[in-house]
PDB file of N, CA and C in Angstrom:
ATOM      1  N   MET A   1       0.792  -1.266  -0.280  1.00  0.00           N
ATOM      2  CA  MET A   1      -0.001   0.128  -0.124  1.00  0.00           C
ATOM      3  C   MET A   1       0.930   1.147   0.058  1.00  0.00           C
ATOM      4  N   LEU A   2       0.774   2.113  -0.770  1.00  0.00           N
ATOM      5  CA  LEU A   2       0.970   3.495  -0.805  1.00  0.00           C
ATOM      6  C   LEU A   2       0.498   4.507   0.183  1.00  0.00           C
ATOM      7  N   ALA A   3      -0.448   4.444   0.986  1.00  0.00           N
ATOM      8  CA  ALA A   3      -0.852   5.403   2.017  1.00  0.00           C
ATOM      9  C   ALA A   3       0.055   6.206   2.736  1.00  0.00           C
ATOM     10  N   GLY A   4      -0.252   7.445   2.864  1.00  0.00           N
ATOM     11  CA  GLY A   4       0.633   8.202   3.187  1.00  0.00           C
ATOM     12  C   GLY A   4       1.980   8.724   2.112  1.00  0.00           C
ATOM     13  N   LYS A   5       2.546   8.125   1.115  1.00  0.00           N
ATOM     14  CA  LYS A   5       3.050   8.413   0.013  1.00  0.00           C
ATOM     15  C   LYS A   5       2.579   9.614  -0.679  1.00  0.00           C
ATOM     16  N   VAL A   6       3.335  10.476  -1.414  1.00  0.00           N
ATOM     17  CA  VAL A   6       2.792  11.467  -2.617  1.00  0.00           C
ATOM     18  C   VAL A   6       3.598  11.305  -3.579  1.00  0.00           C
ATOM     19  N   CYS A   7       2.605  11.124  -4.777  1.00  0.00           N
ATOM     20  CA  CYS A   7       3.678  11.098  -6.151  1.00  0.00           C
ATOM     21  C   CYS A   7       3.144  11.861  -6.851  1.00  0.00           C
ATOM     22  N   LEU A   8       3.997  12.416  -7.890  1.00  0.00           N
ATOM     23  CA  LEU A   8       3.602  13.342  -9.182  1.00  0.00           C
ATOM     24  C   LEU A   8       3.469  12.641 -10.324  1.00  0.00           C
ATOM     25  N   VAL A   9       2.737  12.226 -11.184  1.00  0.00           N
ATOM     26  CA  VAL A   9       2.737  11.584 -12.893  1.00  0.00           C
ATOM     27  C   VAL A   9       1.867  12.996 -13.405  1.00  0.00           C
ATOM     28  N   THR A  10       3.491  13.284 -14.296  1.00  0.00           N
ATOM     29  CA  THR A  10       3.066  13.754 -15.751  1.00  0.00           C
ATOM     30  C   THR A  10       2.105  13.134 -16.993  1.00  0.00           C
ATOM     31  N   GLY A  11       1.873  13.992 -17.555  1.00  0.00           N
ATOM     32  CA  GLY A  11       0.871  13.372 -18.584  1.00  0.00           C
ATOM     33  C   GLY A  11      -0.230  12.528 -18.103  1.00  0.00           C
ATOM     34  N   ALA A  12      -0.849  12.851 -16.850  1.00  0.00           N
ATOM     35  CA  ALA A  12      -1.911  12.127 -16.821  1.00  0.00           C
ATOM     36  C   ALA A  12      -3.242  12.231 -17.340  1.00  0.00           C
ATOM     37  N   SER A  13      -3.538  12.963 -17.817  1.00  0.00           N
ATOM     38  CA  SER A  13      -4.851  13.118 -18.716  1.00  0.00           C
ATOM     39  C   SER A  13      -5.292  12.253 -19.419  1.00  0.00           C
ATOM     40  N   ARG A  14      -4.573  11.037 -20.054  1.00  0.00           N
ATOM     41  CA  ARG A  14      -4.848  10.056 -20.575  1.00  0.00           C
ATOM     42  C   ARG A  14      -3.498   8.992 -20.817  1.00  0.00           C
ATOM     43  N   GLY A  15      -3.967   8.254 -21.704  1.00  0.00           N
ATOM     44  CA  GLY A  15      -2.853   7.222 -21.728  1.00  0.00           C
ATOM     45  C   GLY A  15      -2.180   6.573 -20.858  1.00  0.00           C
ATOM     46  N   VAL A  16      -0.815   6.511 -20.912  1.00  0.00           N
ATOM     47  CA  VAL A  16       0.055   5.556 -19.965  1.00  0.00           C
ATOM     48  C   VAL A  16       0.129   6.630 -18.680  1.00  0.00           C
ATOM     49  N   GLY A  17       0.015   8.092 -18.883  1.00  0.00           N
ATOM     50  CA  GLY A  17       0.420   8.868 -17.641  1.00  0.00           C
ATOM     51  C   GLY A  17      -1.140   8.331 -16.331  1.00  0.00           C
ATOM     52  N   LYS A  18      -2.063   8.366 -17.352  1.00  0.00           N
ATOM     53  CA  LYS A  18      -3.581   8.037 -16.615  1.00  0.00           C
ATOM     54  C   LYS A  18      -3.724   6.815 -15.868  1.00  0.00           C
ATOM     55  N   GLY A  19      -2.882   5.640 -16.545  1.00  0.00           N
ATOM     56  CA  GLY A  19      -2.807   4.695 -16.120  1.00  0.00           C
ATOM     57  C   GLY A  19      -2.406   4.241 -15.092  1.00  0.00           C
ATOM     58  N   ILE A  20      -0.942   4.847 -14.669  1.00  0.00           N
ATOM     59  CA  ILE A  20      -0.062   4.893 -13.532  1.00  0.00           C
ATOM     60  C   ILE A  20      -0.659   5.621 -12.430  1.00  0.00           C
ATOM     61  N   ALA A  21      -1.399   6.878 -12.577  1.00  0.00           N
ATOM     62  CA  ALA A  21      -2.042   7.847 -11.414  1.00  0.00           C
ATOM     63  C   ALA A  21      -2.941   6.906 -11.080  1.00  0.00           C
ATOM     64  N   GLN A  22      -3.859   6.307 -11.785  1.00  0.00           N
ATOM     65  CA  GLN A  22      -4.890   5.652 -11.562  1.00  0.00           C
ATOM     66  C   GLN A  22      -4.459   4.169 -10.480  1.00  0.00           C
ATOM     67  N   LYS A  23      -3.122   3.283 -10.969  1.00  0.00           N
ATOM     68  CA  LYS A  23      -3.041   2.855 -10.229  1.00  0.00           C
ATOM     69  C   LYS A  23      -2.388   2.918  -8.424  1.00  0.00           C
ATOM     70  N   LEU A  24      -1.810   4.449  -8.740  1.00  0.00           N
ATOM     71  CA  LEU A  24      -1.112   4.504  -7.506  1.00  0.00           C
ATOM     72  C   LEU A  24      -2.338   5.127  -6.397  1.00  0.00           C
ATOM     73  N   GLY A  25      -3.637   5.787  -7.218  1.00  0.00           N
ATOM     74  CA  GLY A  25      -4.674   6.191  -6.357  1.00  0.00           C
ATOM     75  C   GLY A  25      -5.124   4.697  -5.693  1.00  0.00           C
ATOM     76  N   SER A  26      -5.118   3.439  -6.628  1.00  0.00           N
ATOM     77  CA  SER A  26      -5.821   2.126  -6.170  1.00  0.00           C
ATOM     78  C   SER A  26      -5.096   1.768  -4.739  1.00  0.00           C
ATOM     79  N   ALA A  27      -3.947   2.174  -4.933  1.00  0.00           N
ATOM     80  CA  ALA A  27      -2.721   1.722  -3.761  1.00  0.00           C
ATOM     81  C   ALA A  27      -2.811   2.942  -2.364  1.00  0.00           C
ATOM     82  N   GLY A  28      -3.566   3.685  -2.803  1.00  0.00           N
ATOM     83  CA  GLY A  28      -3.845   4.591  -1.589  1.00  0.00           C
ATOM     84  C   GLY A  28      -2.845   5.732  -1.679  1.00  0.00           C
ATOM     85  N   ALA A  29      -2.043   6.320  -2.732  1.00  0.00           N
ATOM     86  CA  ALA A  29      -1.361   7.140  -2.585  1.00  0.00           C
ATOM     87  C   ALA A  29      -2.091   8.625  -2.877  1.00  0.00           C
ATOM     88  N   THR A  30      -1.341   9.612  -2.059  1.00  0.00           N
ATOM     89  CA  THR A  30      -1.995  11.170  -2.654  1.00  0.00           C
ATOM     90  C   THR A  30      -1.246  11.275  -4.307  1.00  0.00           C
ATOM     91  N   VAL A  31      -1.925  11.544  -5.237  1.00  0.00           N
ATOM     92  CA  VAL A  31      -1.082  11.722  -6.947  1.00  0.00           C
ATOM     93  C   VAL A  31      -1.741  12.910  -7.476  1.00  0.00           C
ATOM     94  N   TYR A  32      -0.338  13.716  -7.195  1.00  0.00           N
ATOM     95  CA  TYR A  32      -0.753  15.019  -8.368  1.00  0.00           C
ATOM     96  C   TYR A  32      -0.932  14.664  -9.596  1.00  0.00           C
ATOM     97  N   VAL A  33      -1.963  15.013  -9.955  1.00  0.00           N
ATOM     98  CA  VAL A  33      -1.845  14.848 -11.797  1.00  0.00           C
ATOM     99  C   VAL A  33      -1.965  15.805 -12.641  1.00  0.00           C
ATOM    100  N   THR A  34      -1.076  15.833 -13.220  1.00  0.00           N
ATOM    101  CA  THR A  34      -0.277  17.097 -14.165  1.00  0.00           C
ATOM    102  C   THR A  34      -0.411  16.560 -15.698  1.00  0.00           C
ATOM    103  N   GLY A  35      -1.031  17.834 -16.558  1.00  0.00           N
ATOM    104  CA  GLY A  35      -1.239  17.651 -17.723  1.00  0.00           C
ATOM    105  C   GLY A  35      -1.783  18.927 -18.173  1.00  0.00           C
ATOM    106  N   ARG A  36      -2.056  18.918 -19.579  1.00  0.00           N
ATOM    107  CA  ARG A  36      -2.237  20.145 -20.131  1.00  0.00           C
ATOM    108  C   ARG A  36      -3.544  20.234 -20.452  1.00  0.00           C
ATOM    109  N   SER A  37      -4.277  19.254 -20.231  1.00  0.00           N
ATOM    110  CA  SER A  37      -5.668  18.783 -20.947  1.00  0.00           C
ATOM    111  C   SER A  37      -6.242  18.898 -19.317  1.00  0.00           C
ATOM    112  N   THR A  38      -7.316  20.669 -19.147  1.00  0.00           N
ATOM    113  CA  THR A  38      -8.188  21.142 -18.603  1.00  0.00           C
ATOM    114  C   THR A  38      -9.815  20.876 -18.753  1.00  0.00           C
ATOM    115  N   ARG A  39      -9.830  20.907 -20.023  1.00  0.00           N
ATOM    116  CA  ARG A  39     -10.959  21.290 -20.598  1.00  0.00           C
ATOM    117  C   ARG A  39     -11.132  19.661 -21.765  1.00  0.00           C
ATOM    118  N   ASN A  40     -12.232  19.290 -22.110  1.00  0.00           N
ATOM    119  CA  ASN A  40     -12.589  17.880 -22.708  1.00  0.00           C
ATOM    120  C   ASN A  40     -12.515  18.180 -24.217  1.00  0.00           C
ATOM    121  N   GLU A  41     -12.295  19.577 -24.601  1.00  0.00           N
ATOM    122  CA  GLU A  41     -12.161  20.055 -25.759  1.00  0.00           C
ATOM    123  C   GLU A  41     -10.650  20.351 -26.437  1.00  0.00           C
ATOM    124  N   ASP A  42     -10.035  20.340 -25.011  1.00  0.00           N
ATOM    125  CA  ASP A  42      -8.149  20.226 -25.710  1.00  0.00           C
ATOM    126  C   ASP A  42      -7.861  19.407 -26.014  1.00  0.00           C
ATOM    127  N   SER A  43      -8.606  18.381 -26.506  1.00  0.00           N
ATOM    128  CA  SER A  43      -7.738  16.846 -26.928  1.00  0.00           C
ATOM    129  C   SER A  43      -9.218  16.072 -27.578  1.00  0.00           C
ATOM    130  N   PRO A  44      -9.013  15.547 -28.501  1.00  0.00           N
ATOM    131  CA  PRO A  44     -10.036  14.812 -29.194  1.00  0.00           C
ATOM    132  C   PRO A  44     -10.159  13.742 -28.467  1.00  0.00           C
ATOM    133  N   PHE A  45      -9.719  13.180 -27.186  1.00  0.00           N
ATOM    134  CA  PHE A  45     -10.057  12.449 -26.866  1.00  0.00           C
ATOM    135  C   PHE A  45     -10.790  12.647 -25.283  1.00  0.00           C
ATOM    136  N   GLY A  46     -11.198  13.835 -25.029  1.00  0.00           N
ATOM    137  CA  GLY A  46     -11.812  14.411 -24.450  1.00  0.00           C
ATOM    138  C   GLY A  46     -11.538  14.356 -22.563  1.00  0.00           C
ATOM    139  N   ALA A  47     -10.152  13.588 -22.516  1.00  0.00           N
ATOM    140  CA  ALA A  47      -9.269  13.844 -21.148  1.00  0.00           C
ATOM    141  C   ALA A  47      -9.320  14.961 -20.289  1.00  0.00           C
ATOM    142  N   THR A  48      -9.271  15.001 -18.898  1.00  0.00           N
ATOM    143  CA  THR A  48      -8.944  15.916 -18.475  1.00  0.00           C
ATOM    144  C   THR A  48      -8.257  15.508 -17.222  1.00  0.00           C
ATOM    145  N   VAL A  49      -6.782  16.461 -16.340  1.00  0.00           N
ATOM    146  CA  VAL A  49      -6.053  16.504 -15.450  1.00  0.00           C
ATOM    147  C   VAL A  49      -7.452  16.073 -14.657  1.00  0.00           C
ATOM    148  N   PHE A  50      -8.525  16.926 -14.682  1.00  0.00           N
ATOM    149  CA  PHE A  50      -9.300  17.073 -13.573  1.00  0.00           C
ATOM    150  C   PHE A  50     -10.261  15.481 -13.355  1.00  0.00           C
ATOM    151  N   ALA A  51     -10.510  15.061 -14.477  1.00  0.00           N
ATOM    152  CA  ALA A  51     -11.432  13.564 -14.627  1.00  0.00           C
ATOM    153  C   ALA A  51     -10.437  12.817 -13.920  1.00  0.00           C
ATOM    154  N   THR A  52      -9.210  12.583 -14.041  1.00  0.00           N
ATOM    155  CA  THR A  52      -7.999  11.783 -13.661  1.00  0.00           C
ATOM    156  C   THR A  52      -7.779  11.964 -12.251  1.00  0.00           C
ATOM    157  N   ALA A  53      -7.906  12.917 -11.550  1.00  0.00           N
ATOM    158  CA  ALA A  53      -7.671  13.365 -10.418  1.00  0.00           C
ATOM    159  C   ALA A  53      -9.040  13.000  -9.306  1.00  0.00           C
ATOM    160  N   GLU A  54     -10.236  12.995 -10.258  1.00  0.00           N
ATOM    161  CA  GLU A  54     -11.216  12.331  -9.722  1.00  0.00           C
ATOM    162  C   GLU A  54     -11.583  10.862  -9.125  1.00  0.00           C
ATOM    163  N   GLU A  55     -10.779  10.211 -10.394  1.00  0.00           N
ATOM    164  CA  GLU A  55     -11.094   8.811 -10.735  1.00  0.00           C
ATOM    165  C   GLU A  55      -9.512   7.896  -9.509  1.00  0.00           C
ATOM    166  N   VAL A  56      -8.964   9.178  -9.417  1.00  0.00           N
ATOM    167  CA  VAL A  56      -7.816   8.878  -8.030  1.00  0.00           C
ATOM    168  C   VAL A  56      -8.318   8.556  -6.992  1.00  0.00           C
ATOM    169  N   THR A  57      -9.141   9.841  -6.916  1.00  0.00           N
ATOM    170  CA  THR A  57      -9.968   9.723  -5.466  1.00  0.00           C
ATOM    171  C   THR A  57     -11.133   8.493  -5.435  1.00  0.00           C
ATOM    172  N   ARG A  58     -11.552   8.466  -6.245  1.00  0.00           N
ATOM    173  CA  ARG A  58     -12.775   7.153  -6.272  1.00  0.00           C
ATOM    174  C   ARG A  58     -11.825   6.006  -5.970  1.00  0.00           C
ATOM    175  N   ARG A  59     -10.888   5.337  -6.431  1.00  0.00           N
ATOM    176  CA  ARG A  59      -9.987   4.644  -6.493  1.00  0.00           C
ATOM    177  C   ARG A  59      -9.562   4.287  -4.998  1.00  0.00           C
ATOM    178  N   GLY A  60      -9.321   5.191  -4.068  1.00  0.00           N
ATOM    179  CA  GLY A  60      -9.045   5.048  -2.660  1.00  0.00           C
ATOM    180  C   GLY A  60      -8.213   5.973  -2.390  1.00  0.00           C
ATOM    181  N   GLY A  61      -7.279   6.793  -3.291  1.00  0.00           N
ATOM    182  CA  GLY A  61      -6.651   7.788  -3.096  1.00  0.00           C
ATOM    183  C   GLY A  61      -6.679   8.908  -2.803  1.00  0.00           C
ATOM    184  N   LYS A  62      -6.087   9.972  -2.990  1.00  0.00           N
ATOM    185  CA  LYS A  62      -6.525  11.281  -2.950  1.00  0.00           C
ATOM    186  C   LYS A  62      -5.791  12.395  -4.364  1.00  0.00           C
ATOM    187  N   GLY A  63      -6.421  12.340  -5.219  1.00  0.00           N
ATOM    188  CA  GLY A  63      -6.103  13.031  -6.596  1.00  0.00           C
ATOM    189  C   GLY A  63      -6.239  14.638  -6.637  1.00  0.00           C
ATOM    190  N   ILE A  64      -5.289  15.537  -6.694  1.00  0.00           N
ATOM    191  CA  ILE A  64      -5.146  16.651  -7.165  1.00  0.00           C
ATOM    192  C   ILE A  64      -4.722  16.918  -8.768  1.00  0.00           C
ATOM    193  N   ALA A  65      -5.630  17.782  -9.014  1.00  0.00           N
ATOM    194  CA  ALA A  65      -4.771  18.054 -10.412  1.00  0.00           C
ATOM    195  C   ALA A  65      -4.477  19.374 -10.336  1.00  0.00           C
ATOM    196  N   ILE A  66      -3.408  19.482 -11.400  1.00  0.00           N
ATOM    197  CA  ILE A  66      -2.656  20.660 -11.650  1.00  0.00           C
ATOM    198  C   ILE A  66      -2.277  20.777 -12.995  1.00  0.00           C
ATOM    199  N   ALA A  67      -2.879  21.915 -13.571  1.00  0.00           N
ATOM    200  CA  ALA A  67      -2.745  21.873 -15.386  1.00  0.00           C
ATOM    201  C   ALA A  67      -1.058  22.454 -15.308  1.00  0.00           C
ATOM    202  N   CYS A  68      -0.479  21.782 -15.930  1.00  0.00           N
ATOM    203  CA  CYS A  68       1.178  22.434 -16.247  1.00  0.00           C
ATOM    204  C   CYS A  68       1.654  22.414 -17.406  1.00  0.00           C
ATOM    205  N   ASP A  69       2.002  22.521 -18.548  1.00  0.00           N
ATOM    206  CA  ASP A  69       2.607  22.234 -19.603  1.00  0.00           C
ATOM    207  C   ASP A  69       4.252  21.771 -19.483  1.00  0.00           C
ATOM    208  N   HIS A  70       4.932  20.509 -19.389  1.00  0.00           N
ATOM    209  CA  HIS A  70       5.794  20.305 -19.148  1.00  0.00           C
ATOM    210  C   HIS A  70       7.162  20.579 -19.760  1.00  0.00           C
ATOM    211  N   LYS A  71       6.651  20.915 -21.117  1.00  0.00           N
ATOM    212  CA  LYS A  71       7.169  21.682 -22.102  1.00  0.00           C
ATOM    213  C   LYS A  71       7.511  23.194 -21.668  1.00  0.00           C
ATOM    214  N   ASP A  72       6.820  23.771 -20.965  1.00  0.00           N
ATOM    215  CA  ASP A  72       7.198  24.942 -20.593  1.00  0.00           C
ATOM    216  C   ASP A  72       8.209  25.300 -19.453  1.00  0.00           C
ATOM    217  N   ASP A  73       9.633  25.536 -19.516  1.00  0.00           N
ATOM    218  CA  ASP A  73      10.549  25.049 -18.837  1.00  0.00           C
ATOM    219  C   ASP A  73       9.916  26.458 -17.247  1.00  0.00           C
ATOM    220  N   ALA A  74       9.810  27.476 -17.819  1.00  0.00           N
ATOM    221  CA  ALA A  74       9.331  28.298 -16.630  1.00  0.00           C
ATOM    222  C   ALA A  74       8.363  27.656 -15.383  1.00  0.00           C
ATOM    223  N   VAL A  75       7.146  27.255 -16.290  1.00  0.00           N
ATOM    224  CA  VAL A  75       6.298  26.622 -15.589  1.00  0.00           C
ATOM    225  C   VAL A  75       6.722  24.999 -14.682  1.00  0.00           C
ATOM    226  N   THR A  76       7.429  24.333 -15.367  1.00  0.00           N
ATOM    227  CA  THR A  76       7.905  23.262 -14.714  1.00  0.00           C
ATOM    228  C   THR A  76       9.069  23.501 -13.493  1.00  0.00           C
ATOM    229  N   GLN A  77       9.838  24.542 -13.854  1.00  0.00           N
ATOM    230  CA  GLN A  77      10.644  25.147 -12.760  1.00  0.00           C
ATOM    231  C   GLN A  77       9.723  25.610 -11.281  1.00  0.00           C
ATOM    232  N   ALA A  78       8.820  26.709 -11.684  1.00  0.00           N
ATOM    233  CA  ALA A  78       8.190  26.829 -10.539  1.00  0.00           C
ATOM    234  C   ALA A  78       7.396  25.913 -10.179  1.00  0.00           C
ATOM    235  N   LEU A  79       7.327  25.132 -10.639  1.00  0.00           N
ATOM    236  CA  LEU A  79       6.402  23.667  -9.848  1.00  0.00           C
ATOM    237  C   LEU A  79       7.531  22.904  -8.850  1.00  0.00           C
ATOM    238  N   ARG A  80       8.242  23.290  -9.417  1.00  0.00           N
ATOM    239  CA  ARG A  80       9.396  22.437  -9.100  1.00  0.00           C
ATOM    240  C   ARG A  80      10.018  23.449  -7.448  1.00  0.00           C
ATOM    241  N   ASP A  81      10.364  24.537  -7.786  1.00  0.00           N
ATOM    242  CA  ASP A  81      10.489  25.458  -6.525  1.00  0.00           C
ATOM    243  C   ASP A  81       9.653  25.684  -5.776  1.00  0.00           C
ATOM    244  N   GLU A  82       8.586  26.213  -6.208  1.00  0.00           N
ATOM    245  CA  GLU A  82       7.462  26.629  -5.481  1.00  0.00           C
ATOM    246  C   GLU A  82       6.299  25.689  -5.008  1.00  0.00           C
ATOM    247  N   GLY A  83       6.466  24.759  -5.318  1.00  0.00           N
ATOM    248  CA  GLY A  83       5.697  23.498  -5.141  1.00  0.00           C
ATOM    249  C   GLY A  83       4.179  23.514  -5.726  1.00  0.00           C
ATOM    250  N   PRO A  84       3.249  22.765  -5.919  1.00  0.00           N
ATOM    251  CA  PRO A  84       2.392  22.573  -6.745  1.00  0.00           C
ATOM    252  C   PRO A  84       1.586  23.627  -6.236  1.00  0.00           C
ATOM    253  N   PRO A  85       0.997  24.561  -7.681  1.00  0.00           N
ATOM    254  CA  PRO A  85      -0.737  25.332  -6.875  1.00  0.00           C
ATOM    255  C   PRO A  85      -1.797  24.241  -7.117  1.00  0.00           C
ATOM    256  N   ALA A  86      -1.997  23.553  -6.273  1.00  0.00           N
ATOM    257  CA  ALA A  86      -3.205  22.425  -6.195  1.00  0.00           C
ATOM    258  C   ALA A  86      -4.172  23.193  -6.476  1.00  0.00           C
ATOM    259  N   ILE A  87      -5.224  22.239  -7.312  1.00  0.00           N
ATOM    260  CA  ILE A  87      -6.555  22.523  -7.687  1.00  0.00           C
ATOM    261  C   ILE A  87      -6.824  20.988  -7.275  1.00  0.00           C
ATOM    262  N   SER A  88      -7.585  21.279  -5.954  1.00  0.00           N
ATOM    263  CA  SER A  88      -8.305  19.476  -5.566  1.00  0.00           C
ATOM    264  C   SER A  88      -9.687  19.696  -6.197  1.00  0.00           C
ATOM    265  N   THR A  89      -9.928  18.226  -6.292  1.00  0.00           N
ATOM    266  CA  THR A  89     -11.002  17.592  -7.145  1.00  0.00           C
ATOM    267  C   THR A  89     -12.125  17.434  -6.042  1.00  0.00           C
ATOM    268  N   GLU A  90     -11.649  17.545  -4.732  1.00  0.00           N
ATOM    269  CA  GLU A  90     -12.765  17.265  -3.518  1.00  0.00           C
ATOM    270  C   GLU A  90     -14.132  18.474  -3.751  1.00  0.00           C
TER     271      GLU A  90
END
């Protein structure tokens, strides 16, 4: 179990990142779900960091969505230096 552990998953709106975030949530972790998709319209697949964070919480963890474009060095640096500007899905 990962209760009490904190994880950060990049690209967690969909695909492999989403799957990893969900598994970590199932194990009880607090998961910072990061990605660029904040609206269903952002992707032809309709996935968002908020939906993934909600799924993490439903699975027993705590999902926290963070809109973050990791291709933007300044945004990534701020996330690392200042901590996550968390947007809770609770």
